[in-house]
């Protein structure tokens, strides 16, 4: 049985979030949340929130215990980019790309897959 949770429009570049996602892919849910709690990256918060949401979905909707779940898939996709800018030297325009990302978490039971 697979359980899914999606966090969209996270205001952080996908490249930064993927660094954190690589740490916990394939781990048990409790172990992944513990690793993220002590990870010194800003992306650890949104990733742990998405994993906790998927675990809560599994417990509430399907009655699966948290201990039986692991992170089967953790996909980080690029979201829309806000294009802003600021004035540069000699009257020029310097673009600022404010990137966003989408986090998709798929949890599965340890006996499955």
C-alpha atoms as a PDB file:
ATOM      1  CA  UNK A   1       0.000   0.000   0.000  1.00  0.00           C
ATOM      2  CA  UNK A   2       1.356   3.413  -0.946  1.00  0.00           C
ATOM      3  CA  UNK A   3       0.535   6.742   0.649  1.00  0.00           C
ATOM      4  CA  UNK A   4       1.237  10.079  -1.010  1.00  0.00           C
ATOM      5  CA  UNK A   5       1.577  13.683   0.138  1.00  0.00           C
ATOM      6  CA  UNK A   6       2.448  16.753  -1.955  1.00  0.00           C
ATOM      7  CA  UNK A   7       3.749  20.134  -0.813  1.00  0.00           C
ATOM      8  CA  UNK A   8       3.575  22.701  -3.574  1.00  0.00           C
ATOM      9  CA  UNK A   9       5.066  26.144  -4.125  1.00  0.00           C
ATOM     10  CA  UNK A  10       7.820  25.875  -1.500  1.00  0.00           C
ATOM     11  CA  UNK A  11       9.837  29.101  -1.840  1.00  0.00           C
ATOM     12  CA  UNK A  12      13.223  27.456  -2.198  1.00  0.00           C
ATOM     13  CA  UNK A  13      15.135  26.249  -5.231  1.00  0.00           C
ATOM     14  CA  UNK A  14      14.739  22.597  -6.130  1.00  0.00           C
ATOM     15  CA  UNK A  15      18.508  22.160  -6.154  1.00  0.00           C
ATOM     16  CA  UNK A  16      18.737  23.065  -2.448  1.00  0.00           C
ATOM     17  CA  UNK A  17      15.808  20.845  -1.496  1.00  0.00           C
ATOM     18  CA  UNK A  18      17.263  17.872  -3.402  1.00  0.00           C
ATOM     19  CA  UNK A  19      20.379  17.991  -1.216  1.00  0.00           C
ATOM     20  CA  UNK A  20      18.211  17.307   1.829  1.00  0.00           C
ATOM     21  CA  UNK A  21      15.967  14.790   0.049  1.00  0.00           C
ATOM     22  CA  UNK A  22      18.966  12.624  -0.809  1.00  0.00           C
ATOM     23  CA  UNK A  23      19.685  12.191   2.909  1.00  0.00           C
ATOM     24  CA  UNK A  24      16.408  10.466   3.762  1.00  0.00           C
ATOM     25  CA  UNK A  25      15.323   8.629   0.601  1.00  0.00           C
ATOM     26  CA  UNK A  26      14.758   4.936   1.420  1.00  0.00           C
ATOM     27  CA  UNK A  27      14.826   5.314   5.213  1.00  0.00           C
ATOM     28  CA  UNK A  28      12.127   4.450   7.746  1.00  0.00           C
ATOM     29  CA  UNK A  29       9.764   7.329   8.524  1.00  0.00           C
ATOM     30  CA  UNK A  30      10.832   7.791  12.152  1.00  0.00           C
ATOM     31  CA  UNK A  31      14.520   7.595  11.221  1.00  0.00           C
ATOM     32  CA  UNK A  32      14.034  10.088   8.371  1.00  0.00           C
ATOM     33  CA  UNK A  33      12.248  12.571  10.646  1.00  0.00           C
ATOM     34  CA  UNK A  34      15.032  12.265  13.221  1.00  0.00           C
ATOM     35  CA  UNK A  35      17.717  12.896  10.599  1.00  0.00           C
ATOM     36  CA  UNK A  36      15.840  15.938   9.291  1.00  0.00           C
ATOM     37  CA  UNK A  37      15.348  17.324  12.803  1.00  0.00           C
ATOM     38  CA  UNK A  38      19.129  17.571  13.215  1.00  0.00           C
ATOM     39  CA  UNK A  39      19.982  18.619   9.653  1.00  0.00           C
ATOM     40  CA  UNK A  40      21.293  22.177   9.468  1.00  0.00           C
ATOM     41  CA  UNK A  41      19.565  23.153   6.205  1.00  0.00           C
ATOM     42  CA  UNK A  42      16.526  25.343   5.661  1.00  0.00           C
ATOM     43  CA  UNK A  43      15.000  22.739   3.340  1.00  0.00           C
ATOM     44  CA  UNK A  44      14.820  20.190   6.170  1.00  0.00           C
ATOM     45  CA  UNK A  45      11.665  21.850   7.524  1.00  0.00           C
ATOM     46  CA  UNK A  46       9.466  21.559   4.415  1.00  0.00           C
ATOM     47  CA  UNK A  47      10.714  18.031   3.638  1.00  0.00           C
ATOM     48  CA  UNK A  48      10.006  16.781   7.168  1.00  0.00           C
ATOM     49  CA  UNK A  49       6.596  18.446   7.088  1.00  0.00           C
ATOM     50  CA  UNK A  50       5.727  16.605   3.862  1.00  0.00           C
ATOM     51  CA  UNK A  51       6.915  13.255   5.257  1.00  0.00           C
ATOM     52  CA  UNK A  52       4.957  13.790   8.479  1.00  0.00           C
ATOM     53  CA  UNK A  53       1.869  14.671   6.436  1.00  0.00           C
ATOM     54  CA  UNK A  54       2.138  11.473   4.401  1.00  0.00           C
ATOM     55  CA  UNK A  55       2.581   9.433   7.601  1.00  0.00           C
ATOM     56  CA  UNK A  56      -0.494  11.095   9.114  1.00  0.00           C
ATOM     57  CA  UNK A  57      -2.451  10.282   5.940  1.00  0.00           C
ATOM     58  CA  UNK A  58      -1.431   6.635   6.271  1.00  0.00           C
ATOM     59  CA  UNK A  59      -2.478   6.452   9.920  1.00  0.00           C
ATOM     60  CA  UNK A  60      -5.756   8.302   9.526  1.00  0.00           C
ATOM     61  CA  UNK A  61      -7.039   7.052   6.171  1.00  0.00           C
ATOM     62  CA  UNK A  62      -5.600   3.532   5.937  1.00  0.00           C
ATOM     63  CA  UNK A  63      -4.803   2.598   9.541  1.00  0.00           C
ATOM     64  CA  UNK A  64      -1.144   1.792   8.802  1.00  0.00           C
ATOM     65  CA  UNK A  65       1.284   2.201  11.683  1.00  0.00           C
ATOM     66  CA  UNK A  66       4.119   4.722  11.335  1.00  0.00           C
ATOM     67  CA  UNK A  67       6.644   2.068  12.280  1.00  0.00           C
ATOM     68  CA  UNK A  68       5.816  -0.033   9.207  1.00  0.00           C
ATOM     69  CA  UNK A  69       6.388   2.808   6.713  1.00  0.00           C
ATOM     70  CA  UNK A  70       9.476   3.896   4.802  1.00  0.00           C
ATOM     71  CA  UNK A  71      10.189   6.657   2.264  1.00  0.00           C
ATOM     72  CA  UNK A  72       9.725   4.840  -1.035  1.00  0.00           C
ATOM     73  CA  UNK A  73       9.931   7.901  -3.293  1.00  0.00           C
ATOM     74  CA  UNK A  74      10.883  11.505  -2.626  1.00  0.00           C
ATOM     75  CA  UNK A  75      10.651  13.677  -5.717  1.00  0.00           C
ATOM     76  CA  UNK A  76      11.602  17.340  -5.866  1.00  0.00           C
ATOM     77  CA  UNK A  77      10.299  19.167  -8.927  1.00  0.00           C
ATOM     78  CA  UNK A  78      10.759  22.761  -9.982  1.00  0.00           C
ATOM     79  CA  UNK A  79       7.846  25.085  -9.419  1.00  0.00           C
ATOM     80  CA  UNK A  80       7.194  28.439 -11.045  1.00  0.00           C
ATOM     81  CA  UNK A  81       9.882  31.101 -10.924  1.00  0.00           C
ATOM     82  CA  UNK A  82       9.056  34.641  -9.824  1.00  0.00           C
ATOM     83  CA  UNK A  83      11.018  37.037 -11.986  1.00  0.00           C
ATOM     84  CA  UNK A  84      12.048  40.133 -10.098  1.00  0.00           C
ATOM     85  CA  UNK A  85      14.869  42.582 -10.599  1.00  0.00           C
ATOM     86  CA  UNK A  86      16.907  45.357  -9.127  1.00  0.00           C
ATOM     87  CA  UNK A  87      18.870  48.261 -10.480  1.00  0.00           C
ATOM     88  CA  UNK A  88      22.466  47.553 -11.425  1.00  0.00           C
ATOM     89  CA  UNK A  89      25.444  49.742 -12.133  1.00  0.00           C
ATOM     90  CA  UNK A  90      25.319  52.206 -15.033  1.00  0.00           C
ATOM     91  CA  UNK A  91      21.536  52.079 -15.333  1.00  0.00           C
ATOM     92  CA  UNK A  92      21.350  48.376 -16.010  1.00  0.00           C
ATOM     93  CA  UNK A  93      18.778  45.846 -14.824  1.00  0.00           C
ATOM     94  CA  UNK A  94      19.890  42.834 -12.764  1.00  0.00           C
ATOM     95  CA  UNK A  95      17.353  39.975 -12.767  1.00  0.00           C
ATOM     96  CA  UNK A  96      16.528  38.121  -9.558  1.00  0.00           C
ATOM     97  CA  UNK A  97      15.022  34.674 -10.069  1.00  0.00           C
ATOM     98  CA  UNK A  98      13.005  33.629  -7.035  1.00  0.00           C
ATOM     99  CA  UNK A  99      12.626  29.902  -7.548  1.00  0.00           C
ATOM    100  CA  UNK A 100      10.134  27.525  -5.994  1.00  0.00           C
ATOM    101  CA  UNK A 101       9.744  23.765  -5.807  1.00  0.00           C
ATOM    102  CA  UNK A 102       7.189  20.990  -5.346  1.00  0.00           C
ATOM    103  CA  UNK A 103       7.846  18.114  -2.919  1.00  0.00           C
ATOM    104  CA  UNK A 104       6.152  14.738  -3.532  1.00  0.00           C
ATOM    105  CA  UNK A 105       6.505  12.028  -0.883  1.00  0.00           C
ATOM    106  CA  UNK A 106       5.428   8.417  -1.393  1.00  0.00           C
ATOM    107  CA  UNK A 107       5.520   6.132   1.642  1.00  0.00           C
ATOM    108  CA  UNK A 108       5.140   2.357   1.436  1.00  0.00           C
ATOM    109  CA  UNK A 109       4.903  -0.471   3.943  1.00  0.00           C
ATOM    110  CA  UNK A 110       8.192  -2.205   4.674  1.00  0.00           C
ATOM    111  CA  UNK A 111       6.870  -5.674   3.790  1.00  0.00           C
ATOM    112  CA  UNK A 112       5.633  -4.441   0.403  1.00  0.00           C
ATOM    113  CA  UNK A 113       7.474  -3.061  -2.650  1.00  0.00           C
END
